[in-house]
Amino acid sequence: MNPKAVNPIGVFDSGIGGLTVVRALMEHLPFESIHYFGDTARVPYGVKSVETISHYTTQIAEFLLEKQVKLLIVACNTMAAVASQVVHDLSPVPVLDVIEAGALNALAATETRRIGVIGTPTTVNSNAYGRAIHAVEPDARVVSQACPLFVPLVEEGWLDHQVTRLTAQEYLKPILTEKVDTLVLGCTHYPLLKPLLADVAGPGVTLVDSADAMAERAAALLTDLDLHTPSRQPADYHFWVTDVPLRFQTIGERFLGRSLNNVHVVKW
């Protein structure tokens, strides 16, 4: 299957967090159509085994490839951390993942080569960001911290709540002690906490937003491969989910920053 410029971009995530990546893509690439897949019935992935995550990731990637996408974006840090190679191996079209994008942006931003990473326990335990950063800059100091409470707090809508602020202060304390000058938001839920995290981290720390980093990488790749759509018509967006939880519309629209239409349920 040769990717065609008119074909959509495929984006997938374990749930709805990847909608922050879709939002950034909409802003950077307003004419590109997007098919988004969120595995809302089986979320969260952050506590599942590597084998299970790899199996689910393969299933979703194959589904999107059947939709004739020209580019696959692994928007979930947990999936990217343990199953990125699986997607690369099966995909006939280019694949981008948030970890590589975030790592490269962190290296571009840091001056002291002291980089902090926050993410789910699975992402942090995989050391995927550390490996990606050290592959380019072996002397960089990478300090990671799992922040399991951030995802439920974001989904609750507590983006600037005192409980979230206290939680952030506790999680960031060991990272800030290491005098990092750059902090990677290593989960697609975390960009919604960006103002609060910037406040807690202080002006001396640059935040690297994985969603923005991915959109920049996707735009550059489409340019390199001459795959930008020639259409100047409004883009077409479709959202595929495995379950529609009661709060999906509300949370999804908060992540997307606009109304959520064309939601389809996939039953496996």
Protein backbone atom coordinates (compact mmCIF):
# COMPACT_ATOMS: atom_id res chain seq x y z
CA MET A 1 0.00 0.00 0.00
CA ASN A 2 1.60 3.25 -1.12
CA PRO A 3 0.50 6.18 1.00
CA LYS A 4 -1.27 8.85 -0.99
CA ALA A 5 -1.27 12.53 -0.12
CA VAL A 6 -5.08 12.66 -0.05
CA ASN A 7 -5.30 9.84 2.52
CA PRO A 8 -5.96 10.59 6.20
CA ILE A 9 -3.52 10.47 9.11
CA GLY A 10 -4.13 7.66 11.61
CA VAL A 11 -3.70 8.43 15.31
CA PHE A 12 -4.25 5.98 18.14
CA ASP A 13 -4.19 5.89 21.91
CA SER A 14 -5.26 3.64 24.77
CA GLY A 15 -8.18 5.99 25.47
CA ILE A 16 -8.90 9.66 24.97
CA GLY A 17 -5.56 11.22 25.99
CA GLY A 18 -4.35 11.14 22.39
CA LEU A 19 -6.97 13.75 21.52
CA THR A 20 -4.41 16.31 22.74
CA VAL A 21 -2.23 15.11 19.83
CA VAL A 22 -5.20 15.36 17.45
CA ARG A 23 -5.83 18.90 18.67
CA ALA A 24 -2.19 19.86 17.99
CA LEU A 25 -2.37 18.23 14.53
CA MET A 26 -5.56 20.19 13.74
CA GLU A 27 -3.74 23.41 14.63
CA HIS A 28 -0.52 22.61 12.73
CA LEU A 29 -2.13 20.79 9.75
CA PRO A 30 -5.66 22.19 9.35
CA PHE A 31 -6.37 20.55 5.96
CA GLU A 32 -5.29 17.01 6.91
CA SER A 33 -8.08 14.52 7.59
CA ILE A 34 -7.61 12.34 10.69
CA HIS A 35 -8.87 8.95 11.86
CA TYR A 36 -8.46 8.63 15.62
CA PHE A 37 -8.77 5.34 17.51
CA GLY A 38 -9.18 5.32 21.28
CA ASP A 39 -9.41 1.96 23.05
CA THR A 40 -11.87 3.27 25.62
CA ALA A 41 -13.16 -0.18 26.64
CA ARG A 42 -9.71 -1.46 27.69
CA VAL A 43 -8.12 1.68 29.12
CA PRO A 44 -5.93 2.14 31.17
CA TYR A 45 -2.94 0.48 29.52
CA GLY A 46 -0.43 1.78 32.06
CA VAL A 47 -1.03 -1.15 34.42
CA LYS A 48 -1.19 -3.94 31.79
CA SER A 49 1.53 -6.43 30.78
CA VAL A 50 3.86 -5.81 27.85
CA GLU A 51 2.34 -8.80 25.99
CA THR A 52 -1.21 -7.48 26.38
CA ILE A 53 -0.26 -3.95 25.32
CA SER A 54 1.57 -5.32 22.25
CA HIS A 55 -1.47 -7.41 21.26
CA TYR A 56 -3.90 -4.50 21.59
CA THR A 57 -1.51 -2.15 19.77
CA THR A 58 -1.23 -4.55 16.81
CA GLN A 59 -5.01 -4.91 16.62
CA ILE A 60 -5.54 -1.13 16.51
CA ALA A 61 -2.72 -0.44 14.04
CA GLU A 62 -4.14 -3.05 11.64
CA PHE A 63 -7.61 -1.47 11.94
CA LEU A 64 -6.28 1.99 10.98
CA LEU A 65 -4.17 0.60 8.12
CA GLU A 66 -7.38 -0.84 6.67
CA LYS A 67 -8.67 2.76 6.59
CA GLN A 68 -5.88 3.55 4.10
CA VAL A 69 -4.02 6.02 6.34
CA LYS A 70 -0.83 7.57 4.97
CA LEU A 71 0.87 7.93 8.36
CA LEU A 72 0.44 6.17 11.71
CA ILE A 73 0.96 8.10 14.94
CA VAL A 74 1.30 6.22 18.22
CA ALA A 75 -0.11 8.92 20.50
CA CYS A 76 -0.03 6.84 23.69
CA ASN A 77 3.27 7.02 25.59
CA THR A 78 2.62 3.63 27.22
CA MET A 79 2.04 1.96 23.84
CA ALA A 80 5.04 3.73 22.35
CA ALA A 81 7.22 2.69 25.29
CA VAL A 82 6.62 -1.04 24.92
CA ALA A 83 5.13 -1.68 21.46
CA SER A 84 6.48 0.94 19.04
CA GLN A 85 8.67 -1.62 17.24
CA VAL A 86 5.64 -3.87 16.73
CA VAL A 87 3.91 -1.07 14.79
CA HIS A 88 7.04 -0.27 12.76
CA ASP A 89 7.35 -3.96 11.82
CA LEU A 90 3.79 -4.35 10.53
CA SER A 91 3.18 -0.93 8.97
CA PRO A 92 3.79 -0.28 5.27
CA VAL A 93 3.38 3.48 5.92
CA PRO A 94 5.59 5.76 8.06
CA VAL A 95 5.19 5.53 11.85
CA LEU A 96 5.81 8.27 14.41
CA ASP A 97 5.58 7.92 18.17
CA VAL A 98 5.33 10.48 20.94
CA ILE A 99 8.41 9.27 22.80
CA GLU A 100 10.85 9.91 19.96
CA ALA A 101 9.22 13.29 19.27
CA GLY A 102 9.32 14.30 22.95
CA ALA A 103 12.92 13.15 23.39
CA LEU A 104 14.18 15.15 20.41
CA ASN A 105 12.32 18.28 21.51
CA ALA A 106 13.71 17.92 25.04
CA LEU A 107 17.26 17.73 23.69
CA ALA A 108 16.62 20.82 21.56
CA ALA A 109 15.30 22.70 24.61
CA THR A 110 17.82 21.76 27.31
CA GLU A 111 20.93 23.83 28.00
CA THR A 112 22.25 21.89 30.98
CA ARG A 113 21.46 18.40 29.60
CA ARG A 114 19.52 17.69 32.81
CA ILE A 115 16.08 16.47 31.72
CA GLY A 116 13.10 15.40 33.79
CA VAL A 117 10.41 13.01 32.51
CA ILE A 118 6.98 12.40 34.02
CA GLY A 119 4.61 9.65 32.82
CA THR A 120 2.61 6.57 33.74
CA PRO A 121 4.34 3.80 35.75
CA THR A 122 4.67 1.62 32.61
CA THR A 123 6.25 4.42 30.57
CA VAL A 124 8.66 5.35 33.37
CA ASN A 125 9.58 1.73 34.16
CA SER A 126 10.32 1.05 30.49
CA ASN A 127 12.96 3.83 30.50
CA ALA A 128 11.92 4.52 26.90
CA TYR A 129 12.56 8.27 27.19
CA GLY A 130 15.95 7.67 28.81
CA ARG A 131 16.96 5.34 25.97
CA ALA A 132 15.71 7.72 23.27
CA ILE A 133 17.53 10.69 24.83
CA HIS A 134 20.77 8.78 25.50
CA ALA A 135 20.81 7.42 21.93
CA VAL A 136 21.34 11.01 20.77
CA GLU A 137 23.09 12.52 23.81
CA PRO A 138 24.82 9.84 25.94
CA ASP A 139 25.94 12.39 28.57
CA ALA A 140 22.44 13.72 29.31
CA ARG A 141 21.13 13.24 32.84
CA VAL A 142 17.54 11.92 32.76
CA VAL A 143 15.41 11.83 35.92
CA SER A 144 12.04 10.10 35.67
CA GLN A 145 8.99 10.13 37.92
CA ALA A 146 5.79 8.08 37.63
CA CYS A 147 2.66 10.18 38.26
CA PRO A 148 -0.25 7.70 38.35
CA LEU A 149 -2.73 10.16 39.89
CA PHE A 150 -2.51 12.74 37.10
CA VAL A 151 -4.67 10.82 34.59
CA PRO A 152 -7.74 10.45 36.86
CA LEU A 153 -7.36 14.08 38.02
CA VAL A 154 -7.33 15.30 34.41
CA GLU A 155 -10.32 13.15 33.50
CA GLU A 156 -12.15 14.53 36.54
CA GLY A 157 -11.54 18.01 35.11
CA TRP A 158 -9.46 19.11 38.11
CA LEU A 159 -6.95 21.00 35.96
CA ASP A 160 -6.30 23.78 38.45
CA HIS A 161 -7.59 22.22 41.65
CA GLN A 162 -5.77 22.43 44.97
CA VAL A 163 -5.61 18.62 45.15
CA THR A 164 -3.93 18.51 41.72
CA ARG A 165 -1.50 21.26 42.72
CA LEU A 166 -0.49 19.43 45.92
CA THR A 167 -0.11 16.18 43.96
CA ALA A 168 2.09 17.93 41.38
CA GLN A 169 4.27 19.45 44.12
CA GLU A 170 4.86 15.97 45.59
CA TYR A 171 5.58 14.33 42.23
CA LEU A 172 7.90 17.08 40.97
CA LYS A 173 9.86 17.47 44.20
CA PRO A 174 12.46 14.73 43.49
CA ILE A 175 12.85 15.90 39.87
CA LEU A 176 13.34 19.56 40.76
CA THR A 177 15.90 18.55 43.41
CA GLU A 178 18.04 17.27 40.51
CA LYS A 179 18.11 20.81 39.02
CA VAL A 180 16.58 19.86 35.66
CA ASP A 181 16.04 22.68 33.16
CA THR A 182 13.62 20.72 30.94
CA LEU A 183 10.59 18.60 31.82
CA VAL A 184 8.98 16.20 29.35
CA LEU A 185 5.23 15.74 29.79
CA GLY A 186 5.39 12.04 28.97
CA CYS A 187 1.67 11.30 28.84
CA THR A 188 -0.91 12.72 26.46
CA HIS A 189 -3.16 13.70 29.38
CA TYR A 190 -0.53 16.00 30.85
CA PRO A 191 -0.68 18.91 28.35
CA LEU A 192 -3.99 19.86 29.97
CA LEU A 193 -2.04 20.40 33.20
CA LYS A 194 0.60 22.53 31.48
CA PRO A 195 -0.25 25.87 33.18
CA LEU A 196 -0.32 24.26 36.63
CA LEU A 197 2.87 22.23 36.04
CA ALA A 198 4.68 25.31 34.69
CA ASP A 199 3.71 27.16 37.86
CA VAL A 200 4.90 24.34 40.14
CA ALA A 201 8.14 23.76 38.18
CA GLY A 202 9.01 27.46 38.05
CA PRO A 203 10.36 29.75 35.31
CA GLY A 204 13.73 27.98 35.10
CA VAL A 205 12.18 24.78 33.68
CA THR A 206 11.03 24.44 30.05
CA LEU A 207 8.07 22.09 29.58
CA VAL A 208 8.09 19.82 26.53
CA ASP A 209 4.54 19.08 25.43
CA SER A 210 4.43 15.65 23.74
CA ALA A 211 1.35 16.66 21.70
CA ASP A 212 2.99 19.75 20.17
CA ALA A 213 6.24 17.85 19.62
CA MET A 214 4.35 15.16 17.69
CA ALA A 215 2.47 17.64 15.51
CA GLU A 216 5.74 19.36 14.58
CA ARG A 217 7.36 16.02 13.69
CA ALA A 218 4.33 14.94 11.63
CA ALA A 219 4.32 18.21 9.68
CA ALA A 220 8.06 17.88 8.95
CA LEU A 221 7.68 14.25 7.83
CA LEU A 222 4.80 15.06 5.45
CA THR A 223 6.96 17.82 3.96
CA ASP A 224 9.96 15.48 3.56
CA LEU A 225 7.85 12.79 1.87
CA ASP A 226 5.73 15.24 -0.15
CA LEU A 227 2.60 13.83 1.47
CA HIS A 228 0.74 17.02 2.43
CA THR A 229 -2.82 16.86 1.12
CA PRO A 230 -3.39 19.09 -1.91
CA SER A 231 -6.99 19.67 -0.75
CA ARG A 232 -7.97 23.03 0.68
CA GLN A 233 -11.39 21.79 1.72
CA PRO A 234 -12.33 21.40 5.41
CA ALA A 235 -10.65 18.32 6.85
CA ASP A 236 -12.63 15.18 7.68
CA TYR A 237 -12.33 13.82 11.23
CA HIS A 238 -13.48 10.40 12.43
CA PHE A 239 -13.21 9.03 15.97
CA TRP A 240 -13.27 5.28 16.55
CA VAL A 241 -13.75 3.97 20.09
CA THR A 242 -14.35 0.55 21.66
CA ASP A 243 -16.84 1.90 24.19
CA VAL A 244 -18.64 5.20 24.77
CA PRO A 245 -18.43 5.89 28.48
CA LEU A 246 -20.95 8.29 29.97
CA ARG A 247 -18.42 11.12 30.19
CA PHE A 248 -16.64 10.46 26.90
CA GLN A 249 -18.19 13.40 25.06
CA THR A 250 -17.49 15.86 27.89
CA ILE A 251 -13.91 14.76 28.51
CA GLY A 252 -13.19 14.36 24.79
CA GLU A 253 -14.34 17.88 23.98
CA ARG A 254 -12.19 19.26 26.80
CA PHE A 255 -9.16 17.49 25.31
CA LEU A 256 -10.01 18.50 21.75
CA GLY A 257 -11.02 22.08 22.46
CA ARG A 258 -14.01 21.73 20.13
CA SER A 259 -17.13 19.62 19.63
CA LEU A 260 -16.63 15.89 19.08
CA ASN A 261 -18.54 14.55 16.07
CA ASN A 262 -18.37 11.41 13.90
CA VAL A 263 -17.83 9.05 16.85
CA HIS A 264 -18.07 5.38 15.82
CA VAL A 265 -18.08 2.37 18.16
CA VAL A 266 -15.97 -0.65 17.17
CA LYS A 267 -17.05 -3.96 18.73
CA TRP A 268 -14.40 -6.67 18.89
